[in-house]
Amino acid sequence: MAESTTKLDSAALDPEEREILRAYEEGRLRTASGSSRQADRLLSAARETLRKDKRINIRLPSHDLVEIKRLAAREGVPYQTLISSILHRYATGELG
């Protein structure tokens, strides 16, 4: 088994994630038609989302920050990225 797979196996994968990993390892995954166009759109959206050109400072209650850090660790992202994502989703109407 490959080293990267071993690292994934040690993570807590749910049954769906384990099946996706198994399909990948067995070479059963195929590129969907039109995926190049969709990949370009998603890449463009990701670049736009990740473009950070302003800095802010905010004060939070310590218990909120602890909870945000816990949630970010569970999601596998830095807590500042999680906060930025939440703010972006709220600003664009995804959260409300």
PDB file of N, CA and C in Angstrom:
ATOM      1  N   MET A   1       0.845  -1.187   0.000  1.00  0.00           N
ATOM      2  CA  MET A   1       0.000   0.000   0.000  1.00  0.00           C
ATOM      3  C   MET A   1       0.884   1.241   0.000  1.00  0.00           C
ATOM      4  N   ALA A   2       0.511   2.271  -0.739  1.00  0.00           N
ATOM      5  CA  ALA A   2       1.314   3.481  -0.854  1.00  0.00           C
ATOM      6  C   ALA A   2       1.332   4.238   0.464  1.00  0.00           C
ATOM      7  N   GLU A   3       2.405   5.012   0.664  1.00  0.00           N
ATOM      8  CA  GLU A   3       2.551   5.755   1.906  1.00  0.00           C
ATOM      9  C   GLU A   3       1.424   6.752   2.102  1.00  0.00           C
ATOM     10  N   SER A   4       1.024   7.471   1.034  1.00  0.00           N
ATOM     11  CA  SER A   4      -0.050   8.454   1.175  1.00  0.00           C
ATOM     12  C   SER A   4      -1.363   7.784   1.557  1.00  0.00           C
ATOM     13  N   THR A   5      -1.608   6.589   1.045  1.00  0.00           N
ATOM     14  CA  THR A   5      -2.810   5.844   1.399  1.00  0.00           C
ATOM     15  C   THR A   5      -2.780   5.462   2.868  1.00  0.00           C
ATOM     16  N   THR A   6      -1.620   5.058   3.353  1.00  0.00           N
ATOM     17  CA  THR A   6      -1.488   4.688   4.758  1.00  0.00           C
ATOM     18  C   THR A   6      -1.866   5.863   5.643  1.00  0.00           C
ATOM     19  N   LYS A   7      -1.429   7.060   5.288  1.00  0.00           N
ATOM     20  CA  LYS A   7      -1.795   8.242   6.063  1.00  0.00           C
ATOM     21  C   LYS A   7      -3.298   8.464   6.033  1.00  0.00           C
ATOM     22  N   LEU A   8      -3.922   8.249   4.870  1.00  0.00           N
ATOM     23  CA  LEU A   8      -5.369   8.417   4.778  1.00  0.00           C
ATOM     24  C   LEU A   8      -6.091   7.364   5.603  1.00  0.00           C
ATOM     25  N   ASP A   9      -5.586   6.126   5.595  1.00  0.00           N
ATOM     26  CA  ASP A   9      -6.228   5.072   6.363  1.00  0.00           C
ATOM     27  C   ASP A   9      -6.240   5.380   7.850  1.00  0.00           C
ATOM     28  N   SER A  10      -5.230   6.098   8.328  1.00  0.00           N
ATOM     29  CA  SER A  10      -5.174   6.408   9.745  1.00  0.00           C
ATOM     30  C   SER A  10      -6.161   7.507  10.117  1.00  0.00           C
ATOM     31  N   ALA A  11      -6.642   8.244   9.127  1.00  0.00           N
ATOM     32  CA  ALA A  11      -7.632   9.290   9.388  1.00  0.00           C
ATOM     33  C   ALA A  11      -8.993   8.638   9.589  1.00  0.00           C
ATOM     34  N   ALA A  12      -9.875   9.368  10.209  1.00  0.00           N
ATOM     35  CA  ALA A  12     -11.228   8.855  10.435  1.00  0.00           C
ATOM     36  C   ALA A  12     -12.063   9.100   9.179  1.00  0.00           C
ATOM     37  N   LEU A  13     -12.095   8.112   8.296  1.00  0.00           N
ATOM     38  CA  LEU A  13     -12.878   8.228   7.073  1.00  0.00           C
ATOM     39  C   LEU A  13     -14.243   7.587   7.283  1.00  0.00           C
ATOM     40  N   ASP A  14     -15.271   8.247   6.748  1.00  0.00           N
ATOM     41  CA  ASP A  14     -16.588   7.633   6.826  1.00  0.00           C
ATOM     42  C   ASP A  14     -16.702   6.586   5.710  1.00  0.00           C
ATOM     43  N   PRO A  15     -17.747   5.768   5.718  1.00  0.00           N
ATOM     44  CA  PRO A  15     -17.858   4.697   4.709  1.00  0.00           C
ATOM     45  C   PRO A  15     -17.803   5.206   3.269  1.00  0.00           C
ATOM     46  N   GLU A  16     -18.432   6.344   2.994  1.00  0.00           N
ATOM     47  CA  GLU A  16     -18.413   6.886   1.627  1.00  0.00           C
ATOM     48  C   GLU A  16     -16.995   7.278   1.224  1.00  0.00           C
ATOM     49  N   GLU A  17     -16.265   7.906   2.156  1.00  0.00           N
ATOM     50  CA  GLU A  17     -14.891   8.302   1.860  1.00  0.00           C
ATOM     51  C   GLU A  17     -14.001   7.079   1.648  1.00  0.00           C
ATOM     52  N   ARG A  18     -14.218   6.038   2.439  1.00  0.00           N
ATOM     53  CA  ARG A  18     -13.437   4.800   2.255  1.00  0.00           C
ATOM     54  C   ARG A  18     -13.712   4.186   0.883  1.00  0.00           C
ATOM     55  N   GLU A  19     -14.968   4.218   0.424  1.00  0.00           N
ATOM     56  CA  GLU A  19     -15.302   3.676  -0.890  1.00  0.00           C
ATOM     57  C   GLU A  19     -14.658   4.500  -2.004  1.00  0.00           C
ATOM     58  N   ILE A  20     -14.647   5.816  -1.851  1.00  0.00           N
ATOM     59  CA  ILE A  20     -14.001   6.675  -2.849  1.00  0.00           C
ATOM     60  C   ILE A  20     -12.502   6.378  -2.897  1.00  0.00           C
ATOM     61  N   LEU A  21     -11.879   6.256  -1.735  1.00  0.00           N
ATOM     62  CA  LEU A  21     -10.454   5.927  -1.678  1.00  0.00           C
ATOM     63  C   LEU A  21     -10.191   4.577  -2.334  1.00  0.00           C
ATOM     64  N   ARG A  22     -11.012   3.592  -2.037  1.00  0.00           N
ATOM     65  CA  ARG A  22     -10.862   2.252  -2.610  1.00  0.00           C
ATOM     66  C   ARG A  22     -10.999   2.310  -4.140  1.00  0.00           C
ATOM     67  N   ALA A  23     -11.998   3.055  -4.628  1.00  0.00           N
ATOM     68  CA  ALA A  23     -12.203   3.194  -6.073  1.00  0.00           C
ATOM     69  C   ALA A  23     -10.995   3.864  -6.721  1.00  0.00           C
ATOM     70  N   TYR A  24     -10.439   4.864  -6.067  1.00  0.00           N
ATOM     71  CA  TYR A  24      -9.254   5.541  -6.594  1.00  0.00           C
ATOM     72  C   TYR A  24      -8.074   4.577  -6.672  1.00  0.00           C
ATOM     73  N   GLU A  25      -7.848   3.853  -5.586  1.00  0.00           N
ATOM     74  CA  GLU A  25      -6.725   2.911  -5.544  1.00  0.00           C
ATOM     75  C   GLU A  25      -6.867   1.814  -6.591  1.00  0.00           C
ATOM     76  N   GLU A  26      -8.086   1.429  -6.887  1.00  0.00           N
ATOM     77  CA  GLU A  26      -8.331   0.357  -7.861  1.00  0.00           C
ATOM     78  C   GLU A  26      -8.443   0.889  -9.289  1.00  0.00           C
ATOM     79  N   GLY A  27      -8.315   2.193  -9.468  1.00  0.00           N
ATOM     80  CA  GLY A  27      -8.368   2.787 -10.799  1.00  0.00           C
ATOM     81  C   GLY A  27      -9.756   2.806 -11.410  1.00  0.00           C
ATOM     82  N   ARG A  28     -10.789   2.777 -10.580  1.00  0.00           N
ATOM     83  CA  ARG A  28     -12.159   2.761 -11.094  1.00  0.00           C
ATOM     84  C   ARG A  28     -12.743   4.143 -11.327  1.00  0.00           C
ATOM     85  N   LEU A  29     -12.037   5.191 -10.950  1.00  0.00           N
ATOM     86  CA  LEU A  29     -12.551   6.540 -11.142  1.00  0.00           C
ATOM     87  C   LEU A  29     -12.231   7.017 -12.554  1.00  0.00           C
ATOM     88  N   ARG A  30     -13.168   7.668 -13.179  1.00  0.00           N
ATOM     89  CA  ARG A  30     -13.012   8.178 -14.537  1.00  0.00           C
ATOM     90  C   ARG A  30     -13.361   9.663 -14.563  1.00  0.00           C
ATOM     91  N   THR A  31     -12.743  10.390 -15.451  1.00  0.00           N
ATOM     92  CA  THR A  31     -13.038  11.811 -15.623  1.00  0.00           C
ATOM     93  C   THR A  31     -14.408  11.961 -16.271  1.00  0.00           C
ATOM     94  N   ALA A  32     -15.215  12.827 -15.703  1.00  0.00           N
ATOM     95  CA  ALA A  32     -16.551  13.064 -16.249  1.00  0.00           C
ATOM     96  C   ALA A  32     -16.449  13.932 -17.498  1.00  0.00           C
ATOM     97  N   SER A  33     -17.367  13.731 -18.433  1.00  0.00           N
ATOM     98  CA  SER A  33     -17.367  14.555 -19.642  1.00  0.00           C
ATOM     99  C   SER A  33     -17.673  15.993 -19.257  1.00  0.00           C
ATOM    100  N   GLY A  34     -17.020  16.914 -19.935  1.00  0.00           N
ATOM    101  CA  GLY A  34     -17.215  18.328 -19.633  1.00  0.00           C
ATOM    102  C   GLY A  34     -16.510  18.774 -18.374  1.00  0.00           C
ATOM    103  N   SER A  35     -15.731  17.883 -17.773  1.00  0.00           N
ATOM    104  CA  SER A  35     -15.110  18.220 -16.497  1.00  0.00           C
ATOM    105  C   SER A  35     -14.033  19.284 -16.648  1.00  0.00           C
ATOM    106  N   SER A  36     -13.409  19.382 -17.817  1.00  0.00           N
ATOM    107  CA  SER A  36     -12.379  20.394 -18.025  1.00  0.00           C
ATOM    108  C   SER A  36     -12.978  21.791 -17.916  1.00  0.00           C
ATOM    109  N   ARG A  37     -14.115  21.995 -18.551  1.00  0.00           N
ATOM    110  CA  ARG A  37     -14.798  23.286 -18.493  1.00  0.00           C
ATOM    111  C   ARG A  37     -15.233  23.594 -17.060  1.00  0.00           C
ATOM    112  N   GLN A  38     -15.797  22.591 -16.399  1.00  0.00           N
ATOM    113  CA  GLN A  38     -16.234  22.789 -15.026  1.00  0.00           C
ATOM    114  C   GLN A  38     -15.039  23.041 -14.117  1.00  0.00           C
ATOM    115  N   ALA A  39     -13.950  22.305 -14.328  1.00  0.00           N
ATOM    116  CA  ALA A  39     -12.741  22.501 -13.525  1.00  0.00           C
ATOM    117  C   ALA A  39     -12.217  23.923 -13.691  1.00  0.00           C
ATOM    118  N   ASP A  40     -12.248  24.454 -14.914  1.00  0.00           N
ATOM    119  CA  ASP A  40     -11.801  25.828 -15.151  1.00  0.00           C
ATOM    120  C   ASP A  40     -12.672  26.824 -14.383  1.00  0.00           C
ATOM    121  N   ARG A  41     -13.999  26.607 -14.408  1.00  0.00           N
ATOM    122  CA  ARG A  41     -14.903  27.499 -13.673  1.00  0.00           C
ATOM    123  C   ARG A  41     -14.640  27.422 -12.170  1.00  0.00           C
ATOM    124  N   LEU A  42     -14.461  26.218 -11.663  1.00  0.00           N
ATOM    125  CA  LEU A  42     -14.225  26.050 -10.232  1.00  0.00           C
ATOM    126  C   LEU A  42     -12.884  26.638  -9.818  1.00  0.00           C
ATOM    127  N   LEU A  43     -11.880  26.447 -10.657  1.00  0.00           N
ATOM    128  CA  LEU A  43     -10.564  27.016 -10.367  1.00  0.00           C
ATOM    129  C   LEU A  43     -10.637  28.537 -10.322  1.00  0.00           C
ATOM    130  N   SER A  44     -11.352  29.126 -11.254  1.00  0.00           N
ATOM    131  CA  SER A  44     -11.528  30.576 -11.276  1.00  0.00           C
ATOM    132  C   SER A  44     -12.253  31.055 -10.022  1.00  0.00           C
ATOM    133  N   ALA A  45     -13.299  30.342  -9.643  1.00  0.00           N
ATOM    134  CA  ALA A  45     -14.048  30.705  -8.431  1.00  0.00           C
ATOM    135  C   ALA A  45     -13.178  30.568  -7.188  1.00  0.00           C
ATOM    136  N   ALA A  46     -12.370  29.512  -7.145  1.00  0.00           N
ATOM    137  CA  ALA A  46     -11.491  29.308  -5.995  1.00  0.00           C
ATOM    138  C   ALA A  46     -10.457  30.426  -5.898  1.00  0.00           C
ATOM    139  N   ARG A  47      -9.884  30.791  -7.038  1.00  0.00           N
ATOM    140  CA  ARG A  47      -8.897  31.884  -7.023  1.00  0.00           C
ATOM    141  C   ARG A  47      -9.532  33.172  -6.521  1.00  0.00           C
ATOM    142  N   GLU A  48     -10.740  33.448  -6.995  1.00  0.00           N
ATOM    143  CA  GLU A  48     -11.433  34.672  -6.590  1.00  0.00           C
ATOM    144  C   GLU A  48     -11.756  34.630  -5.092  1.00  0.00           C
ATOM    145  N   THR A  49     -12.168  33.469  -4.622  1.00  0.00           N
ATOM    146  CA  THR A  49     -12.503  33.313  -3.205  1.00  0.00           C
ATOM    147  C   THR A  49     -11.268  33.455  -2.330  1.00  0.00           C
ATOM    148  N   LEU A  50     -10.147  32.905  -2.807  1.00  0.00           N
ATOM    149  CA  LEU A  50      -8.932  32.908  -2.005  1.00  0.00           C
ATOM    150  C   LEU A  50      -8.153  34.222  -2.084  1.00  0.00           C
ATOM    151  N   ARG A  51      -8.525  35.084  -3.046  1.00  0.00           N
ATOM    152  CA  ARG A  51      -7.839  36.369  -3.167  1.00  0.00           C
ATOM    153  C   ARG A  51      -8.159  37.209  -1.937  1.00  0.00           C
ATOM    154  N   LYS A  52      -7.143  37.522  -1.205  1.00  0.00           N
ATOM    155  CA  LYS A  52      -7.337  38.283   0.023  1.00  0.00           C
ATOM    156  C   LYS A  52      -6.560  39.574  -0.097  1.00  0.00           C
ATOM    157  N   ASP A  53      -7.272  40.671  -0.154  1.00  0.00           N
ATOM    158  CA  ASP A  53      -6.592  41.940  -0.341  1.00  0.00           C
ATOM    159  C   ASP A  53      -6.860  42.944   0.785  1.00  0.00           C
ATOM    160  N   LYS A  54      -7.592  42.523   1.793  1.00  0.00           N
ATOM    161  CA  LYS A  54      -7.866  43.402   2.937  1.00  0.00           C
ATOM    162  C   LYS A  54      -7.612  42.636   4.230  1.00  0.00           C
ATOM    163  N   ARG A  55      -7.108  43.351   5.198  1.00  0.00           N
ATOM    164  CA  ARG A  55      -6.855  42.776   6.508  1.00  0.00           C
ATOM    165  C   ARG A  55      -7.784  43.447   7.515  1.00  0.00           C
ATOM    166  N   ILE A  56      -8.357  42.643   8.422  1.00  0.00           N
ATOM    167  CA  ILE A  56      -9.197  43.203   9.487  1.00  0.00           C
ATOM    168  C   ILE A  56      -8.760  42.607  10.814  1.00  0.00           C
ATOM    169  N   ASN A  57      -9.111  43.275  11.865  1.00  0.00           N
ATOM    170  CA  ASN A  57      -8.911  42.760  13.217  1.00  0.00           C
ATOM    171  C   ASN A  57     -10.275  42.718  13.887  1.00  0.00           C
ATOM    172  N   ILE A  58     -10.577  41.623  14.545  1.00  0.00           N
ATOM    173  CA  ILE A  58     -11.841  41.516  15.264  1.00  0.00           C
ATOM    174  C   ILE A  58     -11.580  40.966  16.657  1.00  0.00           C
ATOM    175  N   ARG A  59     -12.468  41.298  17.553  1.00  0.00           N
ATOM    176  CA  ARG A  59     -12.405  40.752  18.905  1.00  0.00           C
ATOM    177  C   ARG A  59     -13.542  39.752  19.050  1.00  0.00           C
ATOM    178  N   LEU A  60     -13.210  38.581  19.581  1.00  0.00           N
ATOM    179  CA  LEU A  60     -14.194  37.524  19.799  1.00  0.00           C
ATOM    180  C   LEU A  60     -14.118  37.063  21.241  1.00  0.00           C
ATOM    181  N   PRO A  61     -15.224  36.598  21.776  1.00  0.00           N
ATOM    182  CA  PRO A  61     -15.148  35.956  23.083  1.00  0.00           C
ATOM    183  C   PRO A  61     -14.251  34.717  22.981  1.00  0.00           C
ATOM    184  N   SER A  62     -13.443  34.491  23.983  1.00  0.00           N
ATOM    185  CA  SER A  62     -12.478  33.386  23.920  1.00  0.00           C
ATOM    186  C   SER A  62     -13.170  32.046  23.709  1.00  0.00           C
ATOM    187  N   HIS A  63     -14.354  31.841  24.286  1.00  0.00           N
ATOM    188  CA  HIS A  63     -15.031  30.556  24.106  1.00  0.00           C
ATOM    189  C   HIS A  63     -15.478  30.358  22.650  1.00  0.00           C
ATOM    190  N   ASP A  64     -15.818  31.461  21.955  1.00  0.00           N
ATOM    191  CA  ASP A  64     -16.162  31.345  20.534  1.00  0.00           C
ATOM    192  C   ASP A  64     -14.933  30.973  19.715  1.00  0.00           C
ATOM    193  N   LEU A  65     -13.801  31.598  20.014  1.00  0.00           N
ATOM    194  CA  LEU A  65     -12.578  31.292  19.282  1.00  0.00           C
ATOM    195  C   LEU A  65     -12.148  29.844  19.511  1.00  0.00           C
ATOM    196  N   VAL A  66     -12.277  29.365  20.727  1.00  0.00           N
ATOM    197  CA  VAL A  66     -11.943  27.966  21.015  1.00  0.00           C
ATOM    198  C   VAL A  66     -12.821  27.039  20.186  1.00  0.00           C
ATOM    199  N   GLU A  67     -14.112  27.336  20.109  1.00  0.00           N
ATOM    200  CA  GLU A  67     -15.037  26.501  19.334  1.00  0.00           C
ATOM    201  C   GLU A  67     -14.721  26.574  17.843  1.00  0.00           C
ATOM    202  N   ILE A  68     -14.407  27.767  17.348  1.00  0.00           N
ATOM    203  CA  ILE A  68     -14.041  27.919  15.925  1.00  0.00           C
ATOM    204  C   ILE A  68     -12.781  27.123  15.628  1.00  0.00           C
ATOM    205  N   LYS A  69     -11.799  27.183  16.492  1.00  0.00           N
ATOM    206  CA  LYS A  69     -10.565  26.417  16.287  1.00  0.00           C
ATOM    207  C   LYS A  69     -10.846  24.913  16.301  1.00  0.00           C
ATOM    208  N   ARG A  70     -11.746  24.479  17.175  1.00  0.00           N
ATOM    209  CA  ARG A  70     -12.101  23.065  17.228  1.00  0.00           C
ATOM    210  C   ARG A  70     -12.767  22.625  15.925  1.00  0.00           C
ATOM    211  N   LEU A  71     -13.713  23.443  15.450  1.00  0.00           N
ATOM    212  CA  LEU A  71     -14.401  23.129  14.201  1.00  0.00           C
ATOM    213  C   LEU A  71     -13.432  23.127  13.018  1.00  0.00           C
ATOM    214  N   ALA A  72     -12.522  24.095  13.000  1.00  0.00           N
ATOM    215  CA  ALA A  72     -11.538  24.167  11.915  1.00  0.00           C
ATOM    216  C   ALA A  72     -10.641  22.929  11.923  1.00  0.00           C
ATOM    217  N   ALA A  73     -10.230  22.498  13.099  1.00  0.00           N
ATOM    218  CA  ALA A  73      -9.390  21.295  13.186  1.00  0.00           C
ATOM    219  C   ALA A  73     -10.150  20.082  12.676  1.00  0.00           C
ATOM    220  N   ARG A  74     -11.424  19.993  13.000  1.00  0.00           N
ATOM    221  CA  ARG A  74     -12.245  18.871  12.523  1.00  0.00           C
ATOM    222  C   ARG A  74     -12.361  18.894  10.999  1.00  0.00           C
ATOM    223  N   GLU A  75     -12.440  20.093  10.423  1.00  0.00           N
ATOM    224  CA  GLU A  75     -12.545  20.242   8.966  1.00  0.00           C
ATOM    225  C   GLU A  75     -11.190  20.153   8.281  1.00  0.00           C
ATOM    226  N   GLY A  76     -10.116  20.251   9.057  1.00  0.00           N
ATOM    227  CA  GLY A  76      -8.775  20.167   8.479  1.00  0.00           C
ATOM    228  C   GLY A  76      -8.327  21.447   7.793  1.00  0.00           C
ATOM    229  N   VAL A  77      -8.814  22.583   8.288  1.00  0.00           N
ATOM    230  CA  VAL A  77      -8.426  23.873   7.717  1.00  0.00           C
ATOM    231  C   VAL A  77      -7.963  24.793   8.844  1.00  0.00           C
ATOM    232  N   PRO A  78      -7.129  25.785   8.528  1.00  0.00           N
ATOM    233  CA  PRO A  78      -6.759  26.772   9.548  1.00  0.00           C
ATOM    234  C   PRO A  78      -7.995  27.547  10.011  1.00  0.00           C
ATOM    235  N   TYR A  79      -8.011  27.938  11.275  1.00  0.00           N
ATOM    236  CA  TYR A  79      -9.210  28.597  11.810  1.00  0.00           C
ATOM    237  C   TYR A  79      -9.489  29.928  11.113  1.00  0.00           C
ATOM    238  N   GLN A  80      -8.436  30.642  10.686  1.00  0.00           N
ATOM    239  CA  GLN A  80      -8.656  31.909   9.992  1.00  0.00           C
ATOM    240  C   GLN A  80      -9.326  31.674   8.635  1.00  0.00           C
ATOM    241  N   THR A  81      -8.966  30.576   7.979  1.00  0.00           N
ATOM    242  CA  THR A  81      -9.595  30.216   6.708  1.00  0.00           C
ATOM    243  C   THR A  81     -11.067  29.906   6.926  1.00  0.00           C
ATOM    244  N   LEU A  82     -11.378  29.192   8.007  1.00  0.00           N
ATOM    245  CA  LEU A  82     -12.771  28.884   8.320  1.00  0.00           C
ATOM    246  C   LEU A  82     -13.565  30.162   8.571  1.00  0.00           C
ATOM    247  N   ILE A  83     -13.009  31.073   9.344  1.00  0.00           N
ATOM    248  CA  ILE A  83     -13.692  32.338   9.618  1.00  0.00           C
ATOM    249  C   ILE A  83     -13.928  33.098   8.316  1.00  0.00           C
ATOM    250  N   SER A  84     -12.907  33.158   7.470  1.00  0.00           N
ATOM    251  CA  SER A  84     -13.038  33.846   6.181  1.00  0.00           C
ATOM    252  C   SER A  84     -14.116  33.197   5.321  1.00  0.00           C
ATOM    253  N   SER A  85     -14.156  31.874   5.312  1.00  0.00           N
ATOM    254  CA  SER A  85     -15.157  31.150   4.533  1.00  0.00           C
ATOM    255  C   SER A  85     -16.563  31.436   5.040  1.00  0.00           C
ATOM    256  N   ILE A  86     -16.732  31.435   6.338  1.00  0.00           N
ATOM    257  CA  ILE A  86     -18.048  31.723   6.931  1.00  0.00           C
ATOM    258  C   ILE A  86     -18.493  33.142   6.573  1.00  0.00           C
ATOM    259  N   LEU A  87     -17.583  34.089   6.692  1.00  0.00           N
ATOM    260  CA  LEU A  87     -17.919  35.473   6.357  1.00  0.00           C
ATOM    261  C   LEU A  87     -18.263  35.607   4.870  1.00  0.00           C
ATOM    262  N   HIS A  88     -17.505  34.929   4.020  1.00  0.00           N
ATOM    263  CA  HIS A  88     -17.782  34.978   2.581  1.00  0.00           C
ATOM    264  C   HIS A  88     -19.154  34.393   2.279  1.00  0.00           C
ATOM    265  N   ARG A  89     -19.451  33.240   2.871  1.00  0.00           N
ATOM    266  CA  ARG A  89     -20.750  32.605   2.626  1.00  0.00           C
ATOM    267  C   ARG A  89     -21.892  33.474   3.137  1.00  0.00           C
ATOM    268  N   TYR A  90     -21.696  34.140   4.251  1.00  0.00           N
ATOM    269  CA  TYR A  90     -22.717  35.036   4.768  1.00  0.00           C
ATOM    270  C   TYR A  90     -22.898  36.252   3.841  1.00  0.00           C
ATOM    271  N   ALA A  91     -21.782  36.828   3.413  1.00  0.00           N
ATOM    272  CA  ALA A  91     -21.825  38.013   2.547  1.00  0.00           C
ATOM    273  C   ALA A  91     -22.462  37.712   1.198  1.00  0.00           C
ATOM    274  N   THR A  92     -22.320  36.490   0.716  1.00  0.00           N
ATOM    275  CA  THR A  92     -22.883  36.130  -0.593  1.00  0.00           C
ATOM    276  C   THR A  92     -24.264  35.521  -0.477  1.00  0.00           C
ATOM    277  N   GLY A  93     -24.828  35.463   0.732  1.00  0.00           N
ATOM    278  CA  GLY A  93     -26.184  34.979   0.907  1.00  0.00           C
ATOM    279  C   GLY A  93     -26.320  33.477   1.089  1.00  0.00           C
ATOM    280  N   GLU A  94     -25.199  32.765   1.140  1.00  0.00           N
ATOM    281  CA  GLU A  94     -25.281  31.311   1.364  1.00  0.00           C
ATOM    282  C   GLU A  94     -25.710  30.995   2.790  1.00  0.00           C
ATOM    283  N   LEU A  95     -25.325  31.820   3.722  1.00  0.00           N
ATOM    284  CA  LEU A  95     -25.741  31.692   5.132  1.00  0.00           C
ATOM    285  C   LEU A  95     -26.651  32.861   5.438  1.00  0.00           C
ATOM    286  N   GLY A  96     -27.612  32.644   6.274  1.00  0.00           N
ATOM    287  CA  GLY A  96     -28.461  33.785   6.569  1.00  0.00           C
ATOM    288  C   GLY A  96     -29.398  33.627   7.664  1.00  0.00           C
TER     289      GLY A  96
END
